[in-house]
C-alpha atoms as a PDB file:
ATOM      1  CA  UNK A   1     100.312  82.696  64.051  1.00  0.00           C
ATOM      2  CA  UNK A   2     103.953  81.688  64.936  1.00  0.00           C
ATOM      3  CA  UNK A   3     103.676  78.599  62.777  1.00  0.00           C
ATOM      4  CA  UNK A   4     102.189  80.691  59.858  1.00  0.00           C
ATOM      5  CA  UNK A   5     105.118  83.051  60.260  1.00  0.00           C
ATOM      6  CA  UNK A   6     103.156  85.884  61.299  1.00  0.00           C
ATOM      7  CA  UNK A   7     104.788  86.504  64.579  1.00  0.00           C
ATOM      8  CA  UNK A   8     108.330  85.489  65.667  1.00  0.00           C
ATOM      9  CA  UNK A   9     107.684  84.814  69.367  1.00  0.00           C
ATOM     10  CA  UNK A  10     104.600  84.230  71.581  1.00  0.00           C
ATOM     11  CA  UNK A  11     104.048  86.138  74.756  1.00  0.00           C
ATOM     12  CA  UNK A  12     101.630  86.112  77.385  1.00  0.00           C
ATOM     13  CA  UNK A  13     100.043  88.651  80.012  1.00  0.00           C
ATOM     14  CA  UNK A  14      99.055  88.212  83.734  1.00  0.00           C
ATOM     15  CA  UNK A  15      99.649  84.430  83.623  1.00  0.00           C
ATOM     16  CA  UNK A  16     100.564  82.441  86.887  1.00  0.00           C
ATOM     17  CA  UNK A  17     103.426  79.831  86.990  1.00  0.00           C
ATOM     18  CA  UNK A  18     100.742  77.136  86.506  1.00  0.00           C
ATOM     19  CA  UNK A  19      99.328  78.881  83.304  1.00  0.00           C
ATOM     20  CA  UNK A  20     102.999  79.494  82.057  1.00  0.00           C
ATOM     21  CA  UNK A  21     103.682  75.741  82.257  1.00  0.00           C
ATOM     22  CA  UNK A  22     100.357  74.821  80.569  1.00  0.00           C
ATOM     23  CA  UNK A  23     101.151  77.346  77.654  1.00  0.00           C
ATOM     24  CA  UNK A  24     104.590  76.080  77.402  1.00  0.00           C
ATOM     25  CA  UNK A  25     103.476  72.488  76.854  1.00  0.00           C
ATOM     26  CA  UNK A  26     101.952  73.893  73.843  1.00  0.00           C
ATOM     27  CA  UNK A  27     104.548  76.360  72.476  1.00  0.00           C
ATOM     28  CA  UNK A  28     107.598  78.154  74.005  1.00  0.00           C
ATOM     29  CA  UNK A  29     106.633  81.471  76.066  1.00  0.00           C
ATOM     30  CA  UNK A  30     109.042  84.172  74.897  1.00  0.00           C
ATOM     31  CA  UNK A  31     107.788  86.888  77.488  1.00  0.00           C
ATOM     32  CA  UNK A  32     105.353  87.506  80.328  1.00  0.00           C
ATOM     33  CA  UNK A  33     103.582  91.005  80.869  1.00  0.00           C
ATOM     34  CA  UNK A  34     102.845  91.076  84.626  1.00  0.00           C
ATOM     35  CA  UNK A  35     102.081  93.991  86.863  1.00  0.00           C
ATOM     36  CA  UNK A  36     105.107  94.911  89.054  1.00  0.00           C
ATOM     37  CA  UNK A  37     105.857  97.916  91.357  1.00  0.00           C
ATOM     38  CA  UNK A  38     106.884  98.782  94.826  1.00  0.00           C
ATOM     39  CA  UNK A  39     103.143  98.586  95.714  1.00  0.00           C
ATOM     40  CA  UNK A  40     102.436  95.193  93.664  1.00  0.00           C
ATOM     41  CA  UNK A  41     105.376  92.960  94.423  1.00  0.00           C
ATOM     42  CA  UNK A  42     103.506  89.529  94.087  1.00  0.00           C
ATOM     43  CA  UNK A  43     105.489  88.218  91.094  1.00  0.00           C
ATOM     44  CA  UNK A  44     108.764  88.272  93.281  1.00  0.00           C
ATOM     45  CA  UNK A  45     108.160  84.781  95.012  1.00  0.00           C
ATOM     46  CA  UNK A  46     107.506  82.626  92.257  1.00  0.00           C
ATOM     47  CA  UNK A  47     106.992  84.272  88.973  1.00  0.00           C
ATOM     48  CA  UNK A  48     110.111  85.993  88.542  1.00  0.00           C
ATOM     49  CA  UNK A  49     112.475  83.170  89.424  1.00  0.00           C
ATOM     50  CA  UNK A  50     110.408  80.781  87.149  1.00  0.00           C
ATOM     51  CA  UNK A  51     110.704  83.067  84.224  1.00  0.00           C
ATOM     52  CA  UNK A  52     114.453  83.366  85.015  1.00  0.00           C
ATOM     53  CA  UNK A  53     114.956  79.730  85.129  1.00  0.00           C
ATOM     54  CA  UNK A  54     112.982  79.175  81.823  1.00  0.00           C
ATOM     55  CA  UNK A  55     114.444  81.870  79.780  1.00  0.00           C
ATOM     56  CA  UNK A  56     111.144  84.163  79.642  1.00  0.00           C
ATOM     57  CA  UNK A  57     111.610  87.794  79.249  1.00  0.00           C
ATOM     58  CA  UNK A  58     109.583  89.885  81.660  1.00  0.00           C
ATOM     59  CA  UNK A  59     107.979  93.238  80.389  1.00  0.00           C
ATOM     60  CA  UNK A  60     106.500  94.562  83.648  1.00  0.00           C
ATOM     61  CA  UNK A  61     103.643  97.043  83.696  1.00  0.00           C
ATOM     62  CA  UNK A  62     102.360  99.400  86.190  1.00  0.00           C
ATOM     63  CA  UNK A  63     105.885 100.458  87.814  1.00  0.00           C
ATOM     64  CA  UNK A  64     104.191 103.688  88.999  1.00  0.00           C
ATOM     65  CA  UNK A  65     101.036 102.031  90.381  1.00  0.00           C
ATOM     66  CA  UNK A  66      98.711 104.067  88.243  1.00  0.00           C
ATOM     67  CA  UNK A  67     100.409 107.290  89.252  1.00  0.00           C
ATOM     68  CA  UNK A  68     100.553 106.697  92.888  1.00  0.00           C
ATOM     69  CA  UNK A  69     104.261 106.307  93.069  1.00  0.00           C
ATOM     70  CA  UNK A  70     104.860 109.699  91.269  1.00  0.00           C
ATOM     71  CA  UNK A  71     103.916 111.390  94.581  1.00  0.00           C
ATOM     72  CA  UNK A  72     101.489 113.592  92.622  1.00  0.00           C
ATOM     73  CA  UNK A  73      98.449 112.154  94.091  1.00  0.00           C
ATOM     74  CA  UNK A  74      96.855 113.623  97.327  1.00  0.00           C
ATOM     75  CA  UNK A  75      93.432 113.270  98.677  1.00  0.00           C
ATOM     76  CA  UNK A  76      92.560 116.544  97.007  1.00  0.00           C
ATOM     77  CA  UNK A  77      93.768 115.514  93.621  1.00  0.00           C
ATOM     78  CA  UNK A  78      91.890 112.080  93.710  1.00  0.00           C
ATOM     79  CA  UNK A  79      88.693 114.053  94.916  1.00  0.00           C
ATOM     80  CA  UNK A  80      89.070 116.101  91.784  1.00  0.00           C
ATOM     81  CA  UNK A  81      89.292 113.225  89.353  1.00  0.00           C
ATOM     82  CA  UNK A  82      86.407 112.978  86.752  1.00  0.00           C
ATOM     83  CA  UNK A  83      83.487 110.815  88.043  1.00  0.00           C
ATOM     84  CA  UNK A  84      84.181 108.374  85.256  1.00  0.00           C
ATOM     85  CA  UNK A  85      87.890 107.916  86.237  1.00  0.00           C
ATOM     86  CA  UNK A  86      88.328 104.270  87.290  1.00  0.00           C
ATOM     87  CA  UNK A  87      90.744 105.088  90.188  1.00  0.00           C
ATOM     88  CA  UNK A  88      87.584 106.590  91.944  1.00  0.00           C
ATOM     89  CA  UNK A  89      86.786 102.845  92.462  1.00  0.00           C
ATOM     90  CA  UNK A  90      90.021 101.197  92.550  1.00  0.00           C
ATOM     91  CA  UNK A  91      90.970  99.468  95.767  1.00  0.00           C
ATOM     92  CA  UNK A  92      94.422 101.121  95.956  1.00  0.00           C
ATOM     93  CA  UNK A  93      92.760 104.621  95.959  1.00  0.00           C
ATOM     94  CA  UNK A  94      89.953 103.706  98.582  1.00  0.00           C
ATOM     95  CA  UNK A  95      90.235 103.306 102.228  1.00  0.00           C
ATOM     96  CA  UNK A  96      91.976 101.794 104.209  1.00  0.00           C
ATOM     97  CA  UNK A  97      94.514 101.201 101.339  1.00  0.00           C
ATOM     98  CA  UNK A  98      94.691 104.898 100.403  1.00  0.00           C
ATOM     99  CA  UNK A  99      95.962 106.042 103.760  1.00  0.00           C
ATOM    100  CA  UNK A 100      98.546 103.248 103.837  1.00  0.00           C
ATOM    101  CA  UNK A 101      99.616 103.932 100.236  1.00  0.00           C
ATOM    102  CA  UNK A 102     100.093 107.783 100.665  1.00  0.00           C
ATOM    103  CA  UNK A 103     102.042 107.226 103.787  1.00  0.00           C
ATOM    104  CA  UNK A 104     104.257 104.669 101.913  1.00  0.00           C
ATOM    105  CA  UNK A 105     104.700 107.206  99.272  1.00  0.00           C
ATOM    106  CA  UNK A 106     105.732 109.776 101.787  1.00  0.00           C
ATOM    107  CA  UNK A 107     108.255 107.333 103.079  1.00  0.00           C
ATOM    108  CA  UNK A 108     109.691 106.611  99.590  1.00  0.00           C
ATOM    109  CA  UNK A 109     109.893 110.726  99.004  1.00  0.00           C
ATOM    110  CA  UNK A 110     112.658 110.679 101.694  1.00  0.00           C
ATOM    111  CA  UNK A 111     114.392 107.702 100.124  1.00  0.00           C
ATOM    112  CA  UNK A 112     114.284 109.247  96.556  1.00  0.00           C
ATOM    113  CA  UNK A 113     115.714 112.472  98.006  1.00  0.00           C
ATOM    114  CA  UNK A 114     118.639 110.311  99.514  1.00  0.00           C
ATOM    115  CA  UNK A 115     119.204 108.710  96.337  1.00  0.00           C
ATOM    116  CA  UNK A 116     119.207 112.133  94.417  1.00  0.00           C
ATOM    117  CA  UNK A 117     116.294 111.100  92.147  1.00  0.00           C
ATOM    118  CA  UNK A 118     112.528 111.564  91.663  1.00  0.00           C
ATOM    119  CA  UNK A 119     109.846 109.231  93.088  1.00  0.00           C
ATOM    120  CA  UNK A 120     108.980 108.053  89.576  1.00  0.00           C
ATOM    121  CA  UNK A 121     112.645 107.461  88.945  1.00  0.00           C
ATOM    122  CA  UNK A 122     113.337 105.713  92.049  1.00  0.00           C
ATOM    123  CA  UNK A 123     110.347 103.423  91.540  1.00  0.00           C
ATOM    124  CA  UNK A 124     111.334 102.329  87.851  1.00  0.00           C
ATOM    125  CA  UNK A 125     115.036 102.142  88.763  1.00  0.00           C
ATOM    126  CA  UNK A 126     114.272  99.819  91.703  1.00  0.00           C
ATOM    127  CA  UNK A 127     112.028  97.777  89.364  1.00  0.00           C
ATOM    128  CA  UNK A 128     114.599  97.451  86.731  1.00  0.00           C
ATOM    129  CA  UNK A 129     117.404  96.589  89.123  1.00  0.00           C
ATOM    130  CA  UNK A 130     115.867  92.911  88.793  1.00  0.00           C
ATOM    131  CA  UNK A 131     117.691  90.908  86.194  1.00  0.00           C
ATOM    132  CA  UNK A 132     114.404  89.172  85.103  1.00  0.00           C
ATOM    133  CA  UNK A 133     112.973  92.296  84.239  1.00  0.00           C
ATOM    134  CA  UNK A 134     113.742  93.033  80.392  1.00  0.00           C
ATOM    135  CA  UNK A 135     111.780  96.285  80.119  1.00  0.00           C
ATOM    136  CA  UNK A 136     108.855  98.368  81.821  1.00  0.00           C
ATOM    137  CA  UNK A 137     106.014  99.813  80.416  1.00  0.00           C
ATOM    138  CA  UNK A 138     105.467 103.150  81.922  1.00  0.00           C
ATOM    139  CA  UNK A 139     102.252 105.391  80.936  1.00  0.00           C
ATOM    140  CA  UNK A 140     102.566 109.141  80.445  1.00  0.00           C
ATOM    141  CA  UNK A 141     100.012 111.729  79.180  1.00  0.00           C
ATOM    142  CA  UNK A 142     102.501 114.010  77.513  1.00  0.00           C
ATOM    143  CA  UNK A 143     106.056 114.016  76.273  1.00  0.00           C
ATOM    144  CA  UNK A 144     107.089 116.340  79.129  1.00  0.00           C
ATOM    145  CA  UNK A 145     105.827 113.584  81.594  1.00  0.00           C
ATOM    146  CA  UNK A 146     107.817 111.004  79.672  1.00  0.00           C
ATOM    147  CA  UNK A 147     111.112 113.132  79.956  1.00  0.00           C
ATOM    148  CA  UNK A 148     110.509 113.747  83.709  1.00  0.00           C
ATOM    149  CA  UNK A 149     109.942 110.126  84.492  1.00  0.00           C
ATOM    150  CA  UNK A 150     112.835 108.744  82.747  1.00  0.00           C
ATOM    151  CA  UNK A 151     115.435 110.978  83.750  1.00  0.00           C
ATOM    152  CA  UNK A 152     116.379 108.954  86.728  1.00  0.00           C
ATOM    153  CA  UNK A 153     115.758 105.441  85.725  1.00  0.00           C
ATOM    154  CA  UNK A 154     119.489 104.763  85.151  1.00  0.00           C
ATOM    155  CA  UNK A 155     120.136 105.909  88.627  1.00  0.00           C
ATOM    156  CA  UNK A 156     122.709 103.844  90.403  1.00  0.00           C
ATOM    157  CA  UNK A 157     120.808 102.998  93.599  1.00  0.00           C
ATOM    158  CA  UNK A 158     122.392 102.324  96.850  1.00  0.00           C
ATOM    159  CA  UNK A 159     123.057  98.739  98.039  1.00  0.00           C
ATOM    160  CA  UNK A 160     120.115  99.458 100.856  1.00  0.00           C
ATOM    161  CA  UNK A 161     117.795 100.230  98.160  1.00  0.00           C
ATOM    162  CA  UNK A 162     118.741  97.706  95.606  1.00  0.00           C
ATOM    163  CA  UNK A 163     118.612  94.921  98.333  1.00  0.00           C
ATOM    164  CA  UNK A 164     115.078  96.270  99.709  1.00  0.00           C
ATOM    165  CA  UNK A 165     116.442  97.068 103.134  1.00  0.00           C
ATOM    166  CA  UNK A 166     115.075 100.701 102.620  1.00  0.00           C
ATOM    167  CA  UNK A 167     111.702  99.451 102.330  1.00  0.00           C
ATOM    168  CA  UNK A 168     111.348  97.105 105.488  1.00  0.00           C
END
């Protein structure tokens, strides 16, 4: 598609460093789309540094961990989800992860209050603090949700939060 002039740049989604190397041997990779959030930090060790070193832009998805990092999910709300909602079966929403995740979110609530922002704003601003992250894909069900979610993304986070010491 690039050679035919149909697209300008090639990007990939959910690739490992090994897969990126193999793809780059065929054609330059302009961007990578991995999951990344306070609950899903697996890209930090190898993938983000590799992308930075090779000029690959990162467009992260899932910064709100499918809604968990908004603070709006409780056991009762999860129990009320429709039977066909995938979250009823998702590991993050099942025990023992659910208890740990809800406790983590409560801890984040205190940090967000201290930072003067919403939980969603904290989660997105924290992710965007990384220079490797070019942008984020944030889902929403309504324009009002978008407005609420993005109002704090430019929040100037404290050094403690930027450096992850708040989450230790």
